[in-house]
Amino acid sequence: MTYIKKYTGAHHHRFFIDANTGDYVCLCGAVKGSEKKELKYHNKTQKHNGHHYDSMFEAEYAQALDYSLKNKTIEKWDRQVKLDLKINGIHITNYFIDFIVYHNDGTREFVEVKGMELPLWKLKWKILEATFEEFKEDPDDFMTVIKQKSWGPPKKRFKK
């Protein structure tokens, strides 16, 4: 069934059932339940190479990793890897590290890309630092936090 956008301004949706799909659809074209909600921290999700990233900064870093992979400066990389954080054998929480970069020398770099450092993230990061030995496969594996303000080419400063 084809719908034409009738209203251009804000209005109260009146939903009707689409006979073909069973969806609740307004005459303006909106489907019930598909309204976009503003994200909690005002980040903008981004798509790169068919994967969704939580922020544009994270997608830019993935693009930089793809470039490094193409130039063969790294072996491979994984995204959103689940790490089970345990203390004394007891599961505390899961931590999804943004990237694990496999370098050509056999070491792994656990990379967290951060725009805003929140208290919960700081707590989980401290637990990860304390238990990092159990995730190491090589003694030279290491962790890196890349902050949005400190990443990228240097900004040009203009004199006033």
Protein backbone atom coordinates (compact mmCIF):
# COMPACT_ATOMS: atom_id res chain seq x y z
CA MET A 1 0.00 0.00 0.00
CA THR A 2 1.38 3.44 -0.89
CA TYR A 3 1.09 6.44 1.38
CA ILE A 4 1.59 10.07 0.53
CA LYS A 5 2.91 12.48 3.12
CA LYS A 6 -0.06 14.74 3.75
CA TYR A 7 1.05 16.78 6.74
CA THR A 8 4.31 18.71 6.89
CA GLY A 9 3.98 20.18 10.38
CA ALA A 10 3.83 18.51 13.76
CA HIS A 11 0.57 16.72 14.44
CA HIS A 12 -0.92 13.97 16.53
CA HIS A 13 -0.62 10.69 14.67
CA ARG A 14 -3.79 8.79 13.84
CA PHE A 15 -2.74 5.24 13.08
CA PHE A 16 -4.58 2.91 10.72
CA ILE A 17 -3.86 -0.77 10.09
CA ASP A 18 -2.12 -1.53 6.80
CA ALA A 19 -4.00 -4.48 5.26
CA ASN A 20 -0.87 -5.86 3.58
CA THR A 21 1.65 -5.74 6.45
CA GLY A 22 -0.52 -5.39 9.55
CA ASP A 23 1.51 -2.35 10.65
CA TYR A 24 -0.10 0.64 12.28
CA VAL A 25 0.56 3.52 9.88
CA CYS A 26 -0.35 7.21 10.05
CA LEU A 27 -1.35 9.13 6.91
CA CYS A 28 1.89 11.11 7.24
CA GLY A 29 3.82 7.87 6.69
CA ALA A 30 4.97 7.26 10.27
CA VAL A 31 4.84 3.65 11.46
CA LYS A 32 3.80 3.14 15.06
CA GLY A 33 6.76 2.15 17.24
CA SER A 34 9.40 3.35 14.77
CA GLU A 35 9.67 6.92 16.01
CA LYS A 36 13.28 7.91 16.50
CA LYS A 37 14.15 8.63 20.09
CA GLU A 38 16.91 11.03 20.99
CA LEU A 39 19.94 9.15 22.30
CA LYS A 40 20.82 9.58 25.95
CA TYR A 41 24.21 11.22 25.42
CA HIS A 42 23.34 12.99 22.13
CA ASN A 43 25.74 10.80 20.14
CA LYS A 44 24.93 10.06 16.53
CA THR A 45 25.10 6.44 15.47
CA GLN A 46 27.02 5.81 12.29
CA LYS A 47 27.28 3.00 9.78
CA HIS A 48 30.61 1.90 8.29
CA ASN A 49 31.19 -1.21 6.16
CA GLY A 50 27.74 -2.56 7.07
CA HIS A 51 28.27 -2.27 10.85
CA HIS A 52 26.57 0.16 13.19
CA TYR A 53 28.76 2.12 15.60
CA ASP A 54 27.65 3.95 18.73
CA SER A 55 29.20 7.23 17.62
CA MET A 56 30.68 8.96 14.61
CA PHE A 57 34.03 8.99 16.40
CA GLU A 58 33.95 5.20 16.80
CA ALA A 59 33.11 4.78 13.10
CA GLU A 60 35.98 7.10 12.15
CA TYR A 61 38.37 4.98 14.21
CA ALA A 62 37.08 1.82 12.48
CA GLN A 63 37.73 3.52 9.15
CA ALA A 64 41.29 4.30 10.28
CA LEU A 65 41.75 0.65 11.27
CA ASP A 66 40.54 -0.45 7.83
CA TYR A 67 43.11 1.88 6.29
CA SER A 68 45.85 0.36 8.49
CA LEU A 69 44.69 -3.12 7.48
CA LYS A 70 44.84 -2.18 3.81
CA ASN A 71 48.39 -0.83 4.27
CA LYS A 72 49.31 -4.02 6.19
CA THR A 73 50.46 -2.11 9.28
CA ILE A 74 48.15 -4.35 11.37
CA GLU A 75 47.17 -8.00 10.93
CA LYS A 76 43.43 -7.72 11.71
CA TRP A 77 40.95 -6.16 14.12
CA ASP A 78 37.69 -7.08 15.86
CA ARG A 79 34.88 -4.83 17.04
CA GLN A 80 32.66 -4.91 20.14
CA VAL A 81 34.31 -7.90 21.81
CA LYS A 82 32.59 -9.14 24.98
CA LEU A 83 34.90 -9.53 27.98
CA ASP A 84 33.62 -11.36 31.07
CA LEU A 85 34.92 -9.43 34.07
CA LYS A 86 35.39 -11.75 37.04
CA ILE A 87 36.88 -11.17 40.47
CA ASN A 88 37.88 -14.24 42.50
CA GLY A 89 36.05 -16.38 39.94
CA ILE A 90 32.77 -14.51 40.42
CA HIS A 91 31.15 -12.82 37.42
CA ILE A 92 30.84 -9.08 38.12
CA THR A 93 29.82 -7.64 34.74
CA ASN A 94 30.41 -7.84 31.02
CA TYR A 95 32.55 -5.25 29.27
CA PHE A 96 32.26 -4.68 25.54
CA ILE A 97 35.62 -3.34 24.40
CA ASP A 98 35.29 -1.24 21.25
CA PHE A 99 38.18 -2.79 19.31
CA ILE A 100 40.87 -5.43 19.63
CA VAL A 101 43.72 -4.71 17.22
CA TYR A 102 46.03 -7.58 16.28
CA HIS A 103 49.46 -6.14 15.47
CA ASN A 104 51.95 -7.72 13.08
CA ASP A 105 54.33 -8.56 15.95
CA GLY A 106 51.71 -10.84 17.56
CA THR A 107 50.59 -8.44 20.30
CA ARG A 108 47.00 -7.36 20.85
CA GLU A 109 45.82 -3.87 21.69
CA PHE A 110 42.52 -3.49 23.52
CA VAL A 111 41.19 -0.12 22.36
CA GLU A 112 38.41 1.88 23.98
CA VAL A 113 37.25 4.94 22.04
CA LYS A 114 35.73 7.53 24.37
CA GLY A 115 33.86 10.73 23.81
CA MET A 116 32.49 11.19 27.32
CA GLU A 117 33.87 9.50 30.43
CA LEU A 118 31.00 8.56 32.72
CA PRO A 119 31.31 7.21 36.28
CA LEU A 120 30.02 3.73 35.35
CA TRP A 121 32.54 3.45 32.52
CA LYS A 122 35.38 4.56 34.84
CA LEU A 123 34.42 1.85 37.34
CA LYS A 124 34.24 -0.88 34.68
CA TRP A 125 37.55 0.29 33.18
CA LYS A 126 39.24 0.00 36.60
CA ILE A 127 37.90 -3.55 36.97
CA LEU A 128 39.21 -4.37 33.49
CA GLU A 129 42.64 -2.93 34.38
CA ALA A 130 42.71 -5.01 37.57
CA THR A 131 41.76 -8.24 35.77
CA PHE A 132 43.55 -7.61 32.46
CA GLU A 133 46.12 -10.39 33.05
CA GLU A 134 43.48 -13.06 32.38
CA PHE A 135 42.73 -11.62 28.92
CA LYS A 136 46.36 -11.45 27.81
CA GLU A 137 47.58 -14.05 25.34
CA ASP A 138 50.99 -12.40 25.00
CA PRO A 139 52.83 -10.65 27.86
CA ASP A 140 53.09 -7.53 25.68
CA ASP A 141 49.32 -7.15 25.09
CA PHE A 142 48.16 -3.71 26.21
CA MET A 143 45.15 -1.43 26.68
CA THR A 144 44.57 2.00 25.16
CA VAL A 145 41.92 4.66 25.70
CA ILE A 146 41.56 7.09 22.83
CA LYS A 147 39.76 10.25 23.84
CA GLN A 148 37.88 12.18 21.23
CA LYS A 149 39.54 15.48 22.08
CA SER A 150 43.06 14.08 21.67
CA TRP A 151 42.61 12.07 18.45
CA GLY A 152 43.10 13.12 14.86
CA PRO A 153 45.19 15.67 13.03
CA PRO A 154 46.31 18.74 14.96
CA LYS A 155 43.95 21.67 14.73
CA LYS A 156 45.20 24.82 13.08
CA ARG A 157 45.28 27.81 15.38
CA PHE A 158 44.62 31.19 13.89
CA LYS A 159 45.91 34.41 15.37
CA LYS A 160 43.34 37.03 16.19
